[in-house]
PDB file of N, CA and C in Angstrom:
ATOM      1  N   PHE A   1     -22.741  12.699   2.402  1.00  0.00           N
ATOM      2  CA  PHE A   1     -21.622  12.054   1.856  1.00  0.00           C
ATOM      3  C   PHE A   1     -20.952  11.028   2.761  1.00  0.00           C
ATOM      4  N   SER A   2     -20.747   9.826   2.326  1.00  0.00           N
ATOM      5  CA  SER A   2     -20.163   8.820   3.143  1.00  0.00           C
ATOM      6  C   SER A   2     -18.967   8.185   2.565  1.00  0.00           C
ATOM      7  N   LEU A   3     -17.776   8.135   3.276  1.00  0.00           N
ATOM      8  CA  LEU A   3     -16.587   7.653   2.577  1.00  0.00           C
ATOM      9  C   LEU A   3     -16.759   6.171   2.191  1.00  0.00           C
ATOM     10  N   PRO A   4     -17.387   5.305   2.950  1.00  0.00           N
ATOM     11  CA  PRO A   4     -17.504   3.933   2.491  1.00  0.00           C
ATOM     12  C   PRO A   4     -18.107   3.823   1.117  1.00  0.00           C
ATOM     13  N   THR A   5     -18.926   4.721   0.699  1.00  0.00           N
ATOM     14  CA  THR A   5     -19.467   4.677  -0.669  1.00  0.00           C
ATOM     15  C   THR A   5     -18.871   5.538  -1.621  1.00  0.00           C
ATOM     16  N   ALA A   6     -17.791   6.379  -1.153  1.00  0.00           N
ATOM     17  CA  ALA A   6     -17.143   7.188  -2.037  1.00  0.00           C
ATOM     18  C   ALA A   6     -16.082   6.399  -2.784  1.00  0.00           C
ATOM     19  N   ILE A   7     -15.801   6.926  -3.942  1.00  0.00           N
ATOM     20  CA  ILE A   7     -14.687   6.240  -4.663  1.00  0.00           C
ATOM     21  C   ILE A   7     -13.367   6.964  -4.356  1.00  0.00           C
ATOM     22  N   VAL A   8     -12.481   6.107  -3.925  1.00  0.00           N
ATOM     23  CA  VAL A   8     -11.069   6.637  -3.602  1.00  0.00           C
ATOM     24  C   VAL A   8     -10.096   5.848  -4.387  1.00  0.00           C
ATOM     25  N   GLY A   9      -9.153   6.564  -5.004  1.00  0.00           N
ATOM     26  CA  GLY A   9      -8.203   5.772  -5.830  1.00  0.00           C
ATOM     27  C   GLY A   9      -7.296   4.847  -5.169  1.00  0.00           C
ATOM     28  N   PRO A  10      -6.493   4.037  -5.924  1.00  0.00           N
ATOM     29  CA  PRO A  10      -5.622   3.136  -5.375  1.00  0.00           C
ATOM     30  C   PRO A  10      -4.405   3.821  -4.750  1.00  0.00           C
ATOM     31  N   PRO A  11      -3.653   3.113  -3.767  1.00  0.00           N
ATOM     32  CA  PRO A  11      -2.513   3.621  -3.295  1.00  0.00           C
ATOM     33  C   PRO A  11      -1.342   3.738  -4.302  1.00  0.00           C
ATOM     34  N   LYS A  12      -0.441   4.634  -4.169  1.00  0.00           N
ATOM     35  CA  LYS A  12       0.725   4.646  -5.091  1.00  0.00           C
ATOM     36  C   LYS A  12       1.812   3.915  -4.213  1.00  0.00           C
ATOM     37  N   LEU A  13       2.682   3.182  -4.951  1.00  0.00           N
ATOM     38  CA  LEU A  13       3.723   2.505  -4.394  1.00  0.00           C
ATOM     39  C   LEU A  13       5.061   3.058  -4.901  1.00  0.00           C
ATOM     40  N   SER A  14       5.934   3.235  -3.950  1.00  0.00           N
ATOM     41  CA  SER A  14       7.343   3.462  -4.320  1.00  0.00           C
ATOM     42  C   SER A  14       8.232   2.372  -3.708  1.00  0.00           C
ATOM     43  N   TRP A  15       9.309   2.075  -4.437  1.00  0.00           N
ATOM     44  CA  TRP A  15      10.041   0.929  -4.131  1.00  0.00           C
ATOM     45  C   TRP A  15      11.534   1.120  -4.208  1.00  0.00           C
ATOM     46  N   LEU A  16      12.376   0.300  -3.456  1.00  0.00           N
ATOM     47  CA  LEU A  16      13.780   0.307  -3.580  1.00  0.00           C
ATOM     48  C   LEU A  16      14.202  -1.156  -3.551  1.00  0.00           C
ATOM     49  N   LEU A  17      14.940  -1.479  -4.560  1.00  0.00           N
ATOM     50  CA  LEU A  17      15.543  -2.763  -4.797  1.00  0.00           C
ATOM     51  C   LEU A  17      17.012  -2.776  -4.385  1.00  0.00           C
ATOM     52  N   GLN A  18      17.437  -3.612  -3.408  1.00  0.00           N
ATOM     53  CA  GLN A  18      18.708  -3.683  -2.958  1.00  0.00           C
ATOM     54  C   GLN A  18      19.058  -5.193  -2.921  1.00  0.00           C
ATOM     55  N   GLY A  19      19.832  -5.648  -3.869  1.00  0.00           N
ATOM     56  CA  GLY A  19      20.186  -7.042  -3.944  1.00  0.00           C
ATOM     57  C   GLY A  19      18.902  -7.849  -4.206  1.00  0.00           C
ATOM     58  N   HIS A  20      18.667  -8.765  -3.271  1.00  0.00           N
ATOM     59  CA  HIS A  20      17.514  -9.529  -3.335  1.00  0.00           C
ATOM     60  C   HIS A  20      16.354  -9.172  -2.408  1.00  0.00           C
ATOM     61  N   ILE A  21      16.437  -7.845  -1.957  1.00  0.00           N
ATOM     62  CA  ILE A  21      15.431  -7.350  -1.049  1.00  0.00           C
ATOM     63  C   ILE A  21      14.750  -6.291  -1.670  1.00  0.00           C
ATOM     64  N   LEU A  22      13.359  -6.225  -1.743  1.00  0.00           N
ATOM     65  CA  LEU A  22      12.549  -5.177  -2.201  1.00  0.00           C
ATOM     66  C   LEU A  22      11.731  -4.533  -1.119  1.00  0.00           C
ATOM     67  N   SER A  23      12.048  -3.238  -0.868  1.00  0.00           N
ATOM     68  CA  SER A  23      11.269  -2.422   0.099  1.00  0.00           C
ATOM     69  C   SER A  23      10.237  -1.621  -0.531  1.00  0.00           C
ATOM     70  N   ILE A  24       8.964  -1.600   0.115  1.00  0.00           N
ATOM     71  CA  ILE A  24       7.831  -0.912  -0.571  1.00  0.00           C
ATOM     72  C   ILE A  24       7.402   0.042   0.341  1.00  0.00           C
ATOM     73  N   ASN A  25       7.121   1.323  -0.105  1.00  0.00           N
ATOM     74  CA  ASN A  25       6.449   2.314   0.790  1.00  0.00           C
ATOM     75  C   ASN A  25       5.054   2.589   0.054  1.00  0.00           C
ATOM     76  N   ILE A  26       4.026   2.787   0.899  1.00  0.00           N
ATOM     77  CA  ILE A  26       2.677   3.125   0.402  1.00  0.00           C
ATOM     78  C   ILE A  26       2.389   4.576   0.552  1.00  0.00           C
ATOM     79  N   ILE A  27       1.844   5.225  -0.600  1.00  0.00           N
ATOM     80  CA  ILE A  27       1.422   6.602  -0.416  1.00  0.00           C
ATOM     81  C   ILE A  27      -0.058   6.556  -0.693  1.00  0.00           C
ATOM     82  N   MET A  28      -0.754   6.827   0.456  1.00  0.00           N
ATOM     83  CA  MET A  28      -2.220   6.746   0.490  1.00  0.00           C
ATOM     84  C   MET A  28      -2.945   7.699  -0.475  1.00  0.00           C
ATOM     85  N   PRO A  29      -4.017   7.198  -1.024  1.00  0.00           N
ATOM     86  CA  PRO A  29      -4.881   8.085  -1.891  1.00  0.00           C
ATOM     87  C   PRO A  29      -5.557   9.051  -1.028  1.00  0.00           C
ATOM     88  N   LEU A  30      -5.844  10.241  -1.592  1.00  0.00           N
ATOM     89  CA  LEU A  30      -6.493  11.360  -0.899  1.00  0.00           C
ATOM     90  C   LEU A  30      -8.051  11.129  -1.045  1.00  0.00           C
ATOM     91  N   THR A  31      -8.770  11.672   0.045  1.00  0.00           N
ATOM     92  CA  THR A  31     -10.183  11.633   0.165  1.00  0.00           C
ATOM     93  C   THR A  31     -10.789  12.984  -0.221  1.00  0.00           C
ATOM     94  N   PRO A  32     -12.055  13.107  -0.306  1.00  0.00           N
ATOM     95  CA  PRO A  32     -12.732  14.393  -0.521  1.00  0.00           C
ATOM     96  C   PRO A  32     -12.679  15.249   0.836  1.00  0.00           C
ATOM     97  N   TYR A  33     -12.367  14.690   1.899  1.00  0.00           N
ATOM     98  CA  TYR A  33     -12.375  15.418   3.210  1.00  0.00           C
ATOM     99  C   TYR A  33     -11.119  16.221   3.311  1.00  0.00           C
ATOM    100  N   ARG A  34     -11.291  17.453   3.925  1.00  0.00           N
ATOM    101  CA  ARG A  34     -10.209  18.464   4.141  1.00  0.00           C
ATOM    102  C   ARG A  34      -9.685  18.445   5.550  1.00  0.00           C
ATOM    103  N   SER A  35      -8.482  18.705   5.741  1.00  0.00           N
ATOM    104  CA  SER A  35      -7.996  19.022   7.124  1.00  0.00           C
ATOM    105  C   SER A  35      -8.131  20.361   7.564  1.00  0.00           C
ATOM    106  N   LYS A  36      -7.727  20.673   8.762  1.00  0.00           N
ATOM    107  CA  LYS A  36      -8.004  22.107   9.082  1.00  0.00           C
ATOM    108  C   LYS A  36      -7.148  23.063   8.367  1.00  0.00           C
ATOM    109  N   THR A  37      -6.130  22.660   7.702  1.00  0.00           N
ATOM    110  CA  THR A  37      -5.257  23.464   6.900  1.00  0.00           C
ATOM    111  C   THR A  37      -5.806  23.643   5.461  1.00  0.00           C
ATOM    112  N   GLY A  38      -6.865  22.848   5.165  1.00  0.00           N
ATOM    113  CA  GLY A  38      -7.400  22.928   3.845  1.00  0.00           C
ATOM    114  C   GLY A  38      -6.996  21.799   2.894  1.00  0.00           C
ATOM    115  N   SER A  39      -5.918  21.093   3.164  1.00  0.00           N
ATOM    116  CA  SER A  39      -5.487  20.021   2.320  1.00  0.00           C
ATOM    117  C   SER A  39      -6.357  18.884   2.431  1.00  0.00           C
ATOM    118  N   TYR A  40      -6.359  17.968   1.309  1.00  0.00           N
ATOM    119  CA  TYR A  40      -7.198  16.851   1.446  1.00  0.00           C
ATOM    120  C   TYR A  40      -6.528  15.781   2.315  1.00  0.00           C
ATOM    121  N   LYS A  41      -7.394  15.111   3.046  1.00  0.00           N
ATOM    122  CA  LYS A  41      -6.945  14.118   3.885  1.00  0.00           C
ATOM    123  C   LYS A  41      -6.576  12.722   3.237  1.00  0.00           C
ATOM    124  N   PRO A  42      -5.484  12.053   3.604  1.00  0.00           N
ATOM    125  CA  PRO A  42      -5.347  10.743   3.061  1.00  0.00           C
ATOM    126  C   PRO A  42      -6.369   9.807   3.691  1.00  0.00           C
ATOM    127  N   VAL A  43      -6.581   8.772   2.912  1.00  0.00           N
ATOM    128  CA  VAL A  43      -7.701   7.815   3.256  1.00  0.00           C
ATOM    129  C   VAL A  43      -7.481   7.227   4.673  1.00  0.00           C
ATOM    130  N   ASP A  44      -6.153   6.883   5.058  1.00  0.00           N
ATOM    131  CA  ASP A  44      -5.847   6.280   6.332  1.00  0.00           C
ATOM    132  C   ASP A  44      -6.070   7.241   7.601  1.00  0.00           C
ATOM    133  N   GLN A  45      -6.180   8.535   7.263  1.00  0.00           N
ATOM    134  CA  GLN A  45      -6.545   9.585   8.325  1.00  0.00           C
ATOM    135  C   GLN A  45      -8.171   9.692   8.484  1.00  0.00           C
ATOM    136  N   VAL A  46      -8.944   9.058   7.552  1.00  0.00           N
ATOM    137  CA  VAL A  46     -10.345   8.955   7.735  1.00  0.00           C
ATOM    138  C   VAL A  46     -10.753   7.606   8.126  1.00  0.00           C
ATOM    139  N   LEU A  47     -10.118   6.571   7.576  1.00  0.00           N
ATOM    140  CA  LEU A  47     -10.472   5.261   8.001  1.00  0.00           C
ATOM    141  C   LEU A  47      -9.219   4.659   8.678  1.00  0.00           C
ATOM    142  N   LEU A  48      -9.270   4.931  10.052  1.00  0.00           N
ATOM    143  CA  LEU A  48      -8.122   4.798  10.914  1.00  0.00           C
ATOM    144  C   LEU A  48      -7.649   3.342  10.965  1.00  0.00           C
ATOM    145  N   LYS A  49      -8.458   2.336  10.697  1.00  0.00           N
ATOM    146  CA  LYS A  49      -8.064   0.911  10.682  1.00  0.00           C
ATOM    147  C   LYS A  49      -7.524   0.383   9.393  1.00  0.00           C
ATOM    148  N   LEU A  50      -7.472   1.249   8.498  1.00  0.00           N
ATOM    149  CA  LEU A  50      -7.091   0.744   7.090  1.00  0.00           C
ATOM    150  C   LEU A  50      -5.574   0.462   6.975  1.00  0.00           C
ATOM    151  N   TRP A  51      -5.420  -0.707   6.364  1.00  0.00           N
ATOM    152  CA  TRP A  51      -4.080  -1.152   6.019  1.00  0.00           C
ATOM    153  C   TRP A  51      -4.156  -1.923   4.746  1.00  0.00           C
ATOM    154  N   TYR A  52      -3.002  -2.360   4.097  1.00  0.00           N
ATOM    155  CA  TYR A  52      -2.985  -3.045   2.931  1.00  0.00           C
ATOM    156  C   TYR A  52      -2.175  -4.405   3.039  1.00  0.00           C
ATOM    157  N   TRP A  53      -2.753  -5.420   2.253  1.00  0.00           N
ATOM    158  CA  TRP A  53      -1.955  -6.652   2.050  1.00  0.00           C
ATOM    159  C   TRP A  53      -1.237  -6.404   0.785  1.00  0.00           C
ATOM    160  N   LEU A  54       0.144  -6.565   0.678  1.00  0.00           N
ATOM    161  CA  LEU A  54       0.782  -6.633  -0.462  1.00  0.00           C
ATOM    162  C   LEU A  54       1.140  -8.011  -0.843  1.00  0.00           C
ATOM    163  N   SER A  55       0.777  -8.291  -2.163  1.00  0.00           N
ATOM    164  CA  SER A  55       0.993  -9.750  -2.593  1.00  0.00           C
ATOM    165  C   SER A  55       2.041  -9.670  -3.754  1.00  0.00           C
ATOM    166  N   LEU A  56       3.042 -10.489  -3.757  1.00  0.00           N
ATOM    167  CA  LEU A  56       4.077 -10.534  -4.749  1.00  0.00           C
ATOM    168  C   LEU A  56       3.938 -11.840  -5.576  1.00  0.00           C
ATOM    169  N   TYR A  57       3.634 -11.752  -6.834  1.00  0.00           N
ATOM    170  CA  TYR A  57       3.481 -12.795  -7.714  1.00  0.00           C
ATOM    171  C   TYR A  57       4.622 -12.968  -8.787  1.00  0.00           C
ATOM    172  N   GLU A  58       4.849 -14.253  -9.016  1.00  0.00           N
ATOM    173  CA  GLU A  58       5.743 -14.500 -10.194  1.00  0.00           C
ATOM    174  C   GLU A  58       4.875 -15.293 -11.145  1.00  0.00           C
ATOM    175  N   GLY A  59       4.445 -14.591 -12.194  1.00  0.00           N
ATOM    176  CA  GLY A  59       3.522 -15.163 -13.121  1.00  0.00           C
ATOM    177  C   GLY A  59       2.035 -15.223 -12.293  1.00  0.00           C
ATOM    178  N   ASP A  60       1.481 -16.338 -12.287  1.00  0.00           N
ATOM    179  CA  ASP A  60       0.233 -16.523 -11.531  1.00  0.00           C
ATOM    180  C   ASP A  60       0.377 -17.100 -10.164  1.00  0.00           C
ATOM    181  N   MET A  61       1.578 -17.370  -9.791  1.00  0.00           N
ATOM    182  CA  MET A  61       2.006 -17.973  -8.561  1.00  0.00           C
ATOM    183  C   MET A  61       2.268 -16.974  -7.528  1.00  0.00           C
ATOM    184  N   LEU A  62       1.466 -17.005  -6.386  1.00  0.00           N
ATOM    185  CA  LEU A  62       1.712 -16.212  -5.167  1.00  0.00           C
ATOM    186  C   LEU A  62       2.946 -16.614  -4.488  1.00  0.00           C
ATOM    187  N   VAL A  63       3.905 -15.640  -4.354  1.00  0.00           N
ATOM    188  CA  VAL A  63       5.333 -15.920  -3.703  1.00  0.00           C
ATOM    189  C   VAL A  63       5.363 -15.492  -2.351  1.00  0.00           C
ATOM    190  N   GLN A  64       4.830 -14.308  -2.051  1.00  0.00           N
ATOM    191  CA  GLN A  64       4.996 -13.835  -0.680  1.00  0.00           C
ATOM    192  C   GLN A  64       3.804 -12.844  -0.418  1.00  0.00           C
ATOM    193  N   GLN A  65       3.450 -12.611   0.846  1.00  0.00           N
ATOM    194  CA  GLN A  65       2.456 -11.619   1.225  1.00  0.00           C
ATOM    195  C   GLN A  65       3.007 -10.955   2.426  1.00  0.00           C
ATOM    196  N   VAL A  66       2.826  -9.554   2.439  1.00  0.00           N
ATOM    197  CA  VAL A  66       3.242  -8.804   3.660  1.00  0.00           C
ATOM    198  C   VAL A  66       2.152  -7.712   3.957  1.00  0.00           C
ATOM    199  N   PRO A  67       1.833  -7.466   5.236  1.00  0.00           N
ATOM    200  CA  PRO A  67       0.940  -6.381   5.642  1.00  0.00           C
ATOM    201  C   PRO A  67       1.763  -5.032   5.528  1.00  0.00           C
ATOM    202  N   CYS A  68       1.105  -4.058   5.187  1.00  0.00           N
ATOM    203  CA  CYS A  68       1.690  -2.767   4.890  1.00  0.00           C
ATOM    204  C   CYS A  68       0.871  -1.577   5.363  1.00  0.00           C
ATOM    205  N   LYS A  69       1.415  -0.634   6.186  1.00  0.00           N
ATOM    206  CA  LYS A  69       0.632   0.472   6.618  1.00  0.00           C
ATOM    207  C   LYS A  69       1.302   1.709   5.945  1.00  0.00           C
ATOM    208  N   ARG A  70       0.810   2.882   6.318  1.00  0.00           N
ATOM    209  CA  ARG A  70       1.234   4.065   5.681  1.00  0.00           C
ATOM    210  C   ARG A  70       2.733   4.304   5.886  1.00  0.00           C
ATOM    211  N   SER A  71       3.395   4.708   4.849  1.00  0.00           N
ATOM    212  CA  SER A  71       4.903   4.974   5.050  1.00  0.00           C
ATOM    213  C   SER A  71       5.191   6.122   5.937  1.00  0.00           C
ATOM    214  N   GLY A  72       6.337   6.131   6.678  1.00  0.00           N
ATOM    215  CA  GLY A  72       6.555   7.210   7.525  1.00  0.00           C
ATOM    216  C   GLY A  72       6.137   6.749   9.045  1.00  0.00           C
ATOM    217  N   GLU A  73       5.015   5.956   9.202  1.00  0.00           N
ATOM    218  CA  GLU A  73       4.712   5.544  10.432  1.00  0.00           C
ATOM    219  C   GLU A  73       5.182   4.179  10.772  1.00  0.00           C
ATOM    220  N   GLU A  74       5.519   3.400   9.788  1.00  0.00           N
ATOM    221  CA  GLU A  74       6.021   2.064  10.057  1.00  0.00           C
ATOM    222  C   GLU A  74       7.179   1.939   9.146  1.00  0.00           C
ATOM    223  N   ALA A  75       7.977   0.901   9.345  1.00  0.00           N
ATOM    224  CA  ALA A  75       9.157   0.505   8.418  1.00  0.00           C
ATOM    225  C   ALA A  75       8.523   0.136   7.044  1.00  0.00           C
ATOM    226  N   PRO A  76       9.349   0.282   6.041  1.00  0.00           N
ATOM    227  CA  PRO A  76       8.771  -0.048   4.733  1.00  0.00           C
ATOM    228  C   PRO A  76       8.406  -1.624   4.720  1.00  0.00           C
ATOM    229  N   CYS A  77       7.491  -1.894   3.883  1.00  0.00           N
ATOM    230  CA  CYS A  77       7.098  -3.307   3.676  1.00  0.00           C
ATOM    231  C   CYS A  77       8.134  -4.024   2.856  1.00  0.00           C
ATOM    232  N   THR A  78       8.579  -5.206   3.199  1.00  0.00           N
ATOM    233  CA  THR A  78       9.795  -5.838   2.640  1.00  0.00           C
ATOM    234  C   THR A  78       9.391  -7.171   2.114  1.00  0.00           C
ATOM    235  N   PHE A  79       9.799  -7.405   0.875  1.00  0.00           N
ATOM    236  CA  PHE A  79       9.800  -8.832   0.241  1.00  0.00           C
ATOM    237  C   PHE A  79      11.265  -9.249   0.250  1.00  0.00           C
ATOM    238  N   TRP A  80      11.511 -10.490   0.677  1.00  0.00           N
ATOM    239  CA  TRP A  80      12.904 -11.061   0.844  1.00  0.00           C
ATOM    240  C   TRP A  80      13.223 -12.126  -0.182  1.00  0.00           C
ATOM    241  N   TYR A  81      14.435 -12.370  -0.394  1.00  0.00           N
ATOM    242  CA  TYR A  81      14.918 -13.543  -1.227  1.00  0.00           C
ATOM    243  C   TYR A  81      14.373 -13.602  -2.621  1.00  0.00           C
ATOM    244  N   LEU A  82      14.303 -12.514  -3.252  1.00  0.00           N
ATOM    245  CA  LEU A  82      13.907 -12.384  -4.715  1.00  0.00           C
ATOM    246  C   LEU A  82      14.873 -12.985  -5.581  1.00  0.00           C
ATOM    247  N   LYS A  83      14.555 -13.611  -6.650  1.00  0.00           N
ATOM    248  CA  LYS A  83      15.400 -14.256  -7.575  1.00  0.00           C
ATOM    249  C   LYS A  83      15.857 -13.239  -8.588  1.00  0.00           C
ATOM    250  N   PRO A  84      17.146 -13.251  -9.108  1.00  0.00           N
ATOM    251  CA  PRO A  84      17.625 -12.402 -10.134  1.00  0.00           C
ATOM    252  C   PRO A  84      16.982 -12.658 -11.458  1.00  0.00           C
ATOM    253  N   SER A  85      16.931 -11.631 -12.224  1.00  0.00           N
ATOM    254  CA  SER A  85      16.302 -11.792 -13.567  1.00  0.00           C
ATOM    255  C   SER A  85      15.005 -12.399 -13.708  1.00  0.00           C
ATOM    256  N   THR A  86      14.108 -12.051 -12.788  1.00  0.00           N
ATOM    257  CA  THR A  86      12.777 -12.502 -12.730  1.00  0.00           C
ATOM    258  C   THR A  86      11.781 -11.434 -12.595  1.00  0.00           C
ATOM    259  N   GLN A  87      10.700 -11.571 -13.355  1.00  0.00           N
ATOM    260  CA  GLN A  87       9.637 -10.489 -13.398  1.00  0.00           C
ATOM    261  C   GLN A  87       8.571 -10.870 -12.327  1.00  0.00           C
ATOM    262  N   TYR A  88       8.262  -9.841 -11.552  1.00  0.00           N
ATOM    263  CA  TYR A  88       7.264  -9.985 -10.433  1.00  0.00           C
ATOM    264  C   TYR A  88       6.131  -9.014 -10.604  1.00  0.00           C
ATOM    265  N   CYS A  89       4.975  -9.290 -10.126  1.00  0.00           N
ATOM    266  CA  CYS A  89       3.861  -8.378 -10.071  1.00  0.00           C
ATOM    267  C   CYS A  89       3.510  -8.217  -8.547  1.00  0.00           C
ATOM    268  N   ILE A  90       3.228  -6.919  -8.270  1.00  0.00           N
ATOM    269  CA  ILE A  90       2.718  -6.559  -6.829  1.00  0.00           C
ATOM    270  C   ILE A  90       1.261  -6.232  -6.874  1.00  0.00           C
ATOM    271  N   ARG A  91       0.387  -6.884  -6.148  1.00  0.00           N
ATOM    272  CA  ARG A  91      -1.004  -6.542  -6.048  1.00  0.00           C
ATOM    273  C   ARG A  91      -1.323  -6.069  -4.639  1.00  0.00           C
ATOM    274  N   THR A  92      -2.175  -4.997  -4.517  1.00  0.00           N
ATOM    275  CA  THR A  92      -2.584  -4.540  -3.182  1.00  0.00           C
ATOM    276  C   THR A  92      -3.965  -4.829  -2.992  1.00  0.00           C
ATOM    277  N   ALA A  93      -4.375  -4.977  -1.736  1.00  0.00           N
ATOM    278  CA  ALA A  93      -5.647  -5.246  -1.253  1.00  0.00           C
ATOM    279  C   ALA A  93      -5.872  -4.494   0.085  1.00  0.00           C
ATOM    280  N   ALA A  94      -7.026  -3.631   0.030  1.00  0.00           N
ATOM    281  CA  ALA A  94      -7.248  -2.786   1.228  1.00  0.00           C
ATOM    282  C   ALA A  94      -7.868  -3.677   2.324  1.00  0.00           C
ATOM    283  N   VAL A  95      -7.547  -3.466   3.518  1.00  0.00           N
ATOM    284  CA  VAL A  95      -8.060  -4.336   4.698  1.00  0.00           C
ATOM    285  C   VAL A  95      -8.490  -3.300   5.792  1.00  0.00           C
ATOM    286  N   GLY A  96      -9.535  -3.678   6.533  1.00  0.00           N
ATOM    287  CA  GLY A  96      -9.929  -2.774   7.684  1.00  0.00           C
ATOM    288  C   GLY A  96     -10.683  -1.595   7.328  1.00  0.00           C
ATOM    289  N   MET A  97     -11.451  -1.643   6.209  1.00  0.00           N
ATOM    290  CA  MET A  97     -12.192  -0.453   5.788  1.00  0.00           C
ATOM    291  C   MET A  97     -13.463  -0.229   6.622  1.00  0.00           C
ATOM    292  N   ALA A  98     -14.008  -1.080   7.433  1.00  0.00           N
ATOM    293  CA  ALA A  98     -15.209  -0.966   8.113  1.00  0.00           C
ATOM    294  C   ALA A  98     -15.013  -0.037   9.269  1.00  0.00           C
TER     295      ALA A  98
END
């Protein structure tokens, strides 16, 4: 069994909007690997260099990109200067999986 060929689900995002600032926390997907306590390990505990690019889109236009690591270890990932009454889409891309 090799993790790079295993299918691991996408991360879950939690967010907090305060005025024109959006703070995002990433909850890492679990792997088939177990810790010493028997619980499944999050993917970033197996792939130690893993992190995510978060991309904020307004329609098809890329507005901002921020690097994001596991929540709890780093400050939340933050998008600044959001416009009121605007629909945005956030896309995640995994980086550092090798």
